[in-house]
Amino acid sequence: MSKSGTTRIFVRPGEMPPPGDTDWERLDAMTDDEVIAAALSDPDAQPLTDEQLARMKRVSRVKVIRRRLGMTQQEFADAFDIPVGTLRDWEQHRSTPDAPARALLRAIEREPDTMRRLLTRAA
Protein backbone atom coordinates (compact mmCIF):
# COMPACT_ATOMS: atom_id res chain seq x y z
CA MET A 1 0.00 0.00 0.00
CA SER A 2 1.30 3.47 -0.82
CA LYS A 3 1.43 6.50 1.44
CA SER A 4 -1.81 7.76 -0.07
CA GLY A 5 -3.63 4.60 1.02
CA THR A 6 -3.95 3.32 -2.53
CA THR A 7 -2.90 -0.21 -3.42
CA ARG A 8 -1.39 -0.82 -6.85
CA ILE A 9 -2.00 -4.13 -8.51
CA PHE A 10 -0.06 -5.17 -11.61
CA VAL A 11 -1.76 -7.74 -13.81
CA ARG A 12 -0.09 -9.29 -16.84
CA PRO A 13 -2.04 -9.34 -20.08
CA GLY A 14 -4.37 -12.33 -20.13
CA GLU A 15 -4.40 -12.72 -16.33
CA MET A 16 -7.51 -12.09 -14.27
CA PRO A 17 -7.27 -9.36 -11.62
CA PRO A 18 -7.61 -10.48 -8.01
CA PRO A 19 -11.14 -10.55 -6.63
CA GLY A 20 -12.28 -7.31 -5.05
CA ASP A 21 -15.29 -5.87 -3.26
CA THR A 22 -17.23 -5.09 -6.43
CA ASP A 23 -20.81 -6.36 -6.46
CA TRP A 24 -20.81 -7.46 -10.11
CA GLU A 25 -24.38 -8.77 -10.00
CA ARG A 26 -25.64 -5.35 -8.89
CA LEU A 27 -23.53 -3.63 -11.52
CA ASP A 28 -24.71 -5.99 -14.27
CA ALA A 29 -28.32 -5.24 -13.30
CA MET A 30 -27.82 -1.46 -13.74
CA THR A 31 -28.67 0.32 -16.96
CA ASP A 32 -25.99 2.35 -18.76
CA ASP A 33 -27.63 5.57 -17.56
CA GLU A 34 -27.56 4.34 -13.94
CA VAL A 35 -23.88 3.40 -14.25
CA ILE A 36 -23.02 6.86 -15.62
CA ALA A 37 -25.07 8.60 -12.92
CA ALA A 38 -23.36 6.54 -10.20
CA ALA A 39 -19.91 7.34 -11.61
CA LEU A 40 -20.67 11.07 -11.85
CA SER A 41 -21.92 11.11 -8.26
CA ASP A 42 -18.46 10.02 -7.04
CA PRO A 43 -16.42 13.19 -6.33
CA ASP A 44 -13.18 11.24 -6.92
CA ALA A 45 -14.24 10.06 -10.39
CA GLN A 46 -15.12 13.25 -12.21
CA PRO A 47 -14.46 13.56 -15.95
CA LEU A 48 -11.36 15.46 -16.99
CA THR A 49 -11.79 18.94 -18.37
CA ASP A 50 -10.52 19.87 -21.84
CA GLU A 51 -7.66 21.80 -20.18
CA GLN A 52 -6.64 18.77 -18.11
CA LEU A 53 -6.73 16.53 -21.17
CA ALA A 54 -4.61 19.02 -23.13
CA ARG A 55 -1.89 18.95 -20.43
CA MET A 56 -1.62 15.17 -20.41
CA LYS A 57 1.28 13.54 -22.20
CA ARG A 58 0.96 10.27 -24.07
CA VAL A 59 3.38 7.61 -22.82
CA SER A 60 4.74 5.29 -25.47
CA ARG A 61 3.76 1.63 -25.23
CA VAL A 62 7.45 0.69 -25.37
CA LYS A 63 8.15 2.76 -22.27
CA VAL A 64 5.19 1.20 -20.45
CA ILE A 65 6.49 -2.30 -21.23
CA ARG A 66 10.05 -1.43 -20.20
CA ARG A 67 8.96 0.17 -16.93
CA ARG A 68 6.65 -2.74 -16.12
CA LEU A 69 9.71 -5.00 -16.43
CA GLY A 70 11.68 -2.64 -14.16
CA MET A 71 14.48 -2.19 -16.68
CA THR A 72 16.55 0.78 -17.76
CA GLN A 73 16.70 1.65 -21.45
CA GLN A 74 20.15 0.08 -21.70
CA GLU A 75 19.08 -3.11 -19.92
CA PHE A 76 15.98 -3.46 -22.12
CA ALA A 77 17.99 -2.80 -25.29
CA ASP A 78 20.66 -5.32 -24.32
CA ALA A 79 18.18 -7.99 -23.20
CA PHE A 80 16.09 -7.85 -26.37
CA ASP A 81 18.78 -6.94 -28.93
CA ILE A 82 17.31 -3.53 -29.79
CA PRO A 83 19.67 -0.61 -30.47
CA VAL A 84 19.37 1.77 -27.52
CA GLY A 85 19.07 4.75 -29.87
CA THR A 86 16.11 3.13 -31.59
CA LEU A 87 14.51 2.42 -28.22
CA ARG A 88 14.96 6.07 -27.18
CA ASP A 89 13.45 7.28 -30.44
CA TRP A 90 10.40 5.06 -29.90
CA GLU A 91 9.97 6.21 -26.31
CA GLN A 92 10.30 9.89 -27.22
CA HIS A 93 7.92 9.59 -30.20
CA ARG A 94 10.62 10.55 -32.71
CA SER A 95 9.84 7.35 -34.60
CA THR A 96 7.46 4.42 -34.31
CA PRO A 97 8.22 0.71 -34.38
CA ASP A 98 7.54 -0.97 -37.73
CA ALA A 99 5.35 -4.10 -37.98
CA PRO A 100 8.09 -6.66 -37.09
CA ALA A 101 9.23 -4.51 -34.15
CA ARG A 102 5.63 -4.21 -32.91
CA ALA A 103 5.32 -8.01 -33.08
CA LEU A 104 8.54 -8.37 -31.07
CA LEU A 105 7.28 -5.87 -28.49
CA ARG A 106 3.97 -7.73 -28.15
CA ALA A 107 5.87 -10.96 -27.57
CA ILE A 108 8.12 -9.25 -25.00
CA GLU A 109 5.06 -7.83 -23.25
CA ARG A 110 3.35 -11.23 -23.05
CA GLU A 111 6.36 -13.46 -22.32
CA PRO A 112 9.40 -11.36 -21.35
CA ASP A 113 11.39 -14.22 -19.77
CA THR A 114 10.82 -16.51 -22.73
CA MET A 115 11.79 -13.82 -25.21
CA ARG A 116 14.92 -12.93 -23.25
CA ARG A 117 15.92 -16.60 -23.19
CA LEU A 118 15.21 -17.08 -26.91
CA LEU A 119 17.12 -13.97 -27.93
CA THR A 120 20.08 -14.88 -25.71
CA ARG A 121 20.32 -18.33 -27.37
CA ALA A 122 20.18 -16.76 -30.82
CA ALA A 123 23.20 -14.57 -30.07
C-alpha atoms as a PDB file:
ATOM      1  CA  MET A   1       0.000   0.000   0.000  1.00  0.00           C
ATOM      2  CA  SER A   2       1.298   3.466  -0.822  1.00  0.00           C
ATOM      3  CA  LYS A   3       1.430   6.503   1.439  1.00  0.00           C
ATOM      4  CA  SER A   4      -1.814   7.758  -0.073  1.00  0.00           C
ATOM      5  CA  GLY A   5      -3.627   4.601   1.019  1.00  0.00           C
ATOM      6  CA  THR A   6      -3.952   3.323  -2.533  1.00  0.00           C
ATOM      7  CA  THR A   7      -2.905  -0.209  -3.420  1.00  0.00           C
ATOM      8  CA  ARG A   8      -1.395  -0.820  -6.847  1.00  0.00           C
ATOM      9  CA  ILE A   9      -2.005  -4.131  -8.511  1.00  0.00           C
ATOM     10  CA  PHE A  10      -0.065  -5.168 -11.613  1.00  0.00           C
ATOM     11  CA  VAL A  11      -1.758  -7.740 -13.807  1.00  0.00           C
ATOM     12  CA  ARG A  12      -0.090  -9.286 -16.836  1.00  0.00           C
ATOM     13  CA  PRO A  13      -2.037  -9.342 -20.077  1.00  0.00           C
ATOM     14  CA  GLY A  14      -4.366 -12.331 -20.130  1.00  0.00           C
ATOM     15  CA  GLU A  15      -4.398 -12.719 -16.328  1.00  0.00           C
ATOM     16  CA  MET A  16      -7.509 -12.092 -14.272  1.00  0.00           C
ATOM     17  CA  PRO A  17      -7.272  -9.359 -11.624  1.00  0.00           C
ATOM     18  CA  PRO A  18      -7.614 -10.477  -8.005  1.00  0.00           C
ATOM     19  CA  PRO A  19     -11.144 -10.553  -6.628  1.00  0.00           C
ATOM     20  CA  GLY A  20     -12.278  -7.306  -5.052  1.00  0.00           C
ATOM     21  CA  ASP A  21     -15.286  -5.872  -3.256  1.00  0.00           C
ATOM     22  CA  THR A  22     -17.229  -5.093  -6.432  1.00  0.00           C
ATOM     23  CA  ASP A  23     -20.807  -6.360  -6.462  1.00  0.00           C
ATOM     24  CA  TRP A  24     -20.807  -7.460 -10.110  1.00  0.00           C
ATOM     25  CA  GLU A  25     -24.380  -8.774  -9.997  1.00  0.00           C
ATOM     26  CA  ARG A  26     -25.644  -5.353  -8.892  1.00  0.00           C
ATOM     27  CA  LEU A  27     -23.525  -3.630 -11.523  1.00  0.00           C
ATOM     28  CA  ASP A  28     -24.706  -5.986 -14.273  1.00  0.00           C
ATOM     29  CA  ALA A  29     -28.324  -5.236 -13.297  1.00  0.00           C
ATOM     30  CA  MET A  30     -27.816  -1.461 -13.742  1.00  0.00           C
ATOM     31  CA  THR A  31     -28.666   0.324 -16.963  1.00  0.00           C
ATOM     32  CA  ASP A  32     -25.992   2.347 -18.762  1.00  0.00           C
ATOM     33  CA  ASP A  33     -27.626   5.569 -17.558  1.00  0.00           C
ATOM     34  CA  GLU A  34     -27.556   4.339 -13.942  1.00  0.00           C
ATOM     35  CA  VAL A  35     -23.876   3.404 -14.252  1.00  0.00           C
ATOM     36  CA  ILE A  36     -23.022   6.863 -15.624  1.00  0.00           C
ATOM     37  CA  ALA A  37     -25.074   8.602 -12.917  1.00  0.00           C
ATOM     38  CA  ALA A  38     -23.356   6.539 -10.204  1.00  0.00           C
ATOM     39  CA  ALA A  39     -19.912   7.344 -11.606  1.00  0.00           C
ATOM     40  CA  LEU A  40     -20.666  11.066 -11.846  1.00  0.00           C
ATOM     41  CA  SER A  41     -21.924  11.111  -8.255  1.00  0.00           C
ATOM     42  CA  ASP A  42     -18.460  10.015  -7.042  1.00  0.00           C
ATOM     43  CA  PRO A  43     -16.419  13.185  -6.328  1.00  0.00           C
ATOM     44  CA  ASP A  44     -13.176  11.241  -6.923  1.00  0.00           C
ATOM     45  CA  ALA A  45     -14.240  10.060 -10.385  1.00  0.00           C
ATOM     46  CA  GLN A  46     -15.121  13.248 -12.212  1.00  0.00           C
ATOM     47  CA  PRO A  47     -14.459  13.560 -15.947  1.00  0.00           C
ATOM     48  CA  LEU A  48     -11.365  15.455 -16.994  1.00  0.00           C
ATOM     49  CA  THR A  49     -11.788  18.941 -18.370  1.00  0.00           C
ATOM     50  CA  ASP A  50     -10.517  19.875 -21.841  1.00  0.00           C
ATOM     51  CA  GLU A  51      -7.660  21.799 -20.183  1.00  0.00           C
ATOM     52  CA  GLN A  52      -6.641  18.768 -18.107  1.00  0.00           C
ATOM     53  CA  LEU A  53      -6.731  16.534 -21.168  1.00  0.00           C
ATOM     54  CA  ALA A  54      -4.613  19.016 -23.128  1.00  0.00           C
ATOM     55  CA  ARG A  55      -1.895  18.953 -20.432  1.00  0.00           C
ATOM     56  CA  MET A  56      -1.624  15.173 -20.410  1.00  0.00           C
ATOM     57  CA  LYS A  57       1.278  13.541 -22.203  1.00  0.00           C
ATOM     58  CA  ARG A  58       0.957  10.274 -24.072  1.00  0.00           C
ATOM     59  CA  VAL A  59       3.378   7.614 -22.816  1.00  0.00           C
ATOM     60  CA  SER A  60       4.737   5.290 -25.475  1.00  0.00           C
ATOM     61  CA  ARG A  61       3.760   1.626 -25.229  1.00  0.00           C
ATOM     62  CA  VAL A  62       7.453   0.694 -25.366  1.00  0.00           C
ATOM     63  CA  LYS A  63       8.151   2.764 -22.271  1.00  0.00           C
ATOM     64  CA  VAL A  64       5.189   1.197 -20.451  1.00  0.00           C
ATOM     65  CA  ILE A  65       6.494  -2.302 -21.229  1.00  0.00           C
ATOM     66  CA  ARG A  66      10.050  -1.425 -20.200  1.00  0.00           C
ATOM     67  CA  ARG A  67       8.961   0.174 -16.927  1.00  0.00           C
ATOM     68  CA  ARG A  68       6.655  -2.741 -16.123  1.00  0.00           C
ATOM     69  CA  LEU A  69       9.705  -4.999 -16.429  1.00  0.00           C
ATOM     70  CA  GLY A  70      11.679  -2.636 -14.160  1.00  0.00           C
ATOM     71  CA  MET A  71      14.479  -2.189 -16.681  1.00  0.00           C
ATOM     72  CA  THR A  72      16.552   0.782 -17.760  1.00  0.00           C
ATOM     73  CA  GLN A  73      16.703   1.647 -21.450  1.00  0.00           C
ATOM     74  CA  GLN A  74      20.148   0.085 -21.703  1.00  0.00           C
ATOM     75  CA  GLU A  75      19.075  -3.114 -19.918  1.00  0.00           C
ATOM     76  CA  PHE A  76      15.984  -3.461 -22.119  1.00  0.00           C
ATOM     77  CA  ALA A  77      17.986  -2.799 -25.291  1.00  0.00           C
ATOM     78  CA  ASP A  78      20.657  -5.323 -24.315  1.00  0.00           C
ATOM     79  CA  ALA A  79      18.183  -7.995 -23.198  1.00  0.00           C
ATOM     80  CA  PHE A  80      16.088  -7.851 -26.371  1.00  0.00           C
ATOM     81  CA  ASP A  81      18.779  -6.938 -28.926  1.00  0.00           C
ATOM     82  CA  ILE A  82      17.314  -3.526 -29.787  1.00  0.00           C
ATOM     83  CA  PRO A  83      19.670  -0.606 -30.472  1.00  0.00           C
ATOM     84  CA  VAL A  84      19.374   1.765 -27.525  1.00  0.00           C
ATOM     85  CA  GLY A  85      19.069   4.755 -29.867  1.00  0.00           C
ATOM     86  CA  THR A  86      16.112   3.129 -31.593  1.00  0.00           C
ATOM     87  CA  LEU A  87      14.506   2.420 -28.221  1.00  0.00           C
ATOM     88  CA  ARG A  88      14.964   6.067 -27.178  1.00  0.00           C
ATOM     89  CA  ASP A  89      13.452   7.281 -30.438  1.00  0.00           C
ATOM     90  CA  TRP A  90      10.399   5.056 -29.897  1.00  0.00           C
ATOM     91  CA  GLU A  91       9.968   6.206 -26.306  1.00  0.00           C
ATOM     92  CA  GLN A  92      10.298   9.886 -27.220  1.00  0.00           C
ATOM     93  CA  HIS A  93       7.920   9.589 -30.200  1.00  0.00           C
ATOM     94  CA  ARG A  94      10.623  10.553 -32.709  1.00  0.00           C
ATOM     95  CA  SER A  95       9.844   7.355 -34.603  1.00  0.00           C
ATOM     96  CA  THR A  96       7.463   4.419 -34.311  1.00  0.00           C
ATOM     97  CA  PRO A  97       8.220   0.705 -34.377  1.00  0.00           C
ATOM     98  CA  ASP A  98       7.540  -0.974 -37.729  1.00  0.00           C
ATOM     99  CA  ALA A  99       5.354  -4.103 -37.979  1.00  0.00           C
ATOM    100  CA  PRO A 100       8.086  -6.661 -37.093  1.00  0.00           C
ATOM    101  CA  ALA A 101       9.227  -4.515 -34.148  1.00  0.00           C
ATOM    102  CA  ARG A 102       5.628  -4.214 -32.915  1.00  0.00           C
ATOM    103  CA  ALA A 103       5.316  -8.011 -33.076  1.00  0.00           C
ATOM    104  CA  LEU A 104       8.535  -8.371 -31.071  1.00  0.00           C
ATOM    105  CA  LEU A 105       7.283  -5.868 -28.491  1.00  0.00           C
ATOM    106  CA  ARG A 106       3.965  -7.726 -28.155  1.00  0.00           C
ATOM    107  CA  ALA A 107       5.869 -10.964 -27.575  1.00  0.00           C
ATOM    108  CA  ILE A 108       8.116  -9.248 -25.003  1.00  0.00           C
ATOM    109  CA  GLU A 109       5.063  -7.830 -23.250  1.00  0.00           C
ATOM    110  CA  ARG A 110       3.353 -11.229 -23.046  1.00  0.00           C
ATOM    111  CA  GLU A 111       6.358 -13.457 -22.315  1.00  0.00           C
ATOM    112  CA  PRO A 112       9.404 -11.363 -21.348  1.00  0.00           C
ATOM    113  CA  ASP A 113      11.392 -14.219 -19.765  1.00  0.00           C
ATOM    114  CA  THR A 114      10.824 -16.512 -22.725  1.00  0.00           C
ATOM    115  CA  MET A 115      11.793 -13.815 -25.211  1.00  0.00           C
ATOM    116  CA  ARG A 116      14.923 -12.925 -23.245  1.00  0.00           C
ATOM    117  CA  ARG A 117      15.921 -16.604 -23.185  1.00  0.00           C
ATOM    118  CA  LEU A 118      15.213 -17.077 -26.908  1.00  0.00           C
ATOM    119  CA  LEU A 119      17.116 -13.970 -27.933  1.00  0.00           C
ATOM    120  CA  THR A 120      20.077 -14.884 -25.705  1.00  0.00           C
ATOM    121  CA  ARG A 121      20.325 -18.331 -27.365  1.00  0.00           C
ATOM    122  CA  ALA A 122      20.178 -16.764 -30.819  1.00  0.00           C
ATOM    123  CA  ALA A 123      23.197 -14.573 -30.066  1.00  0.00           C
END
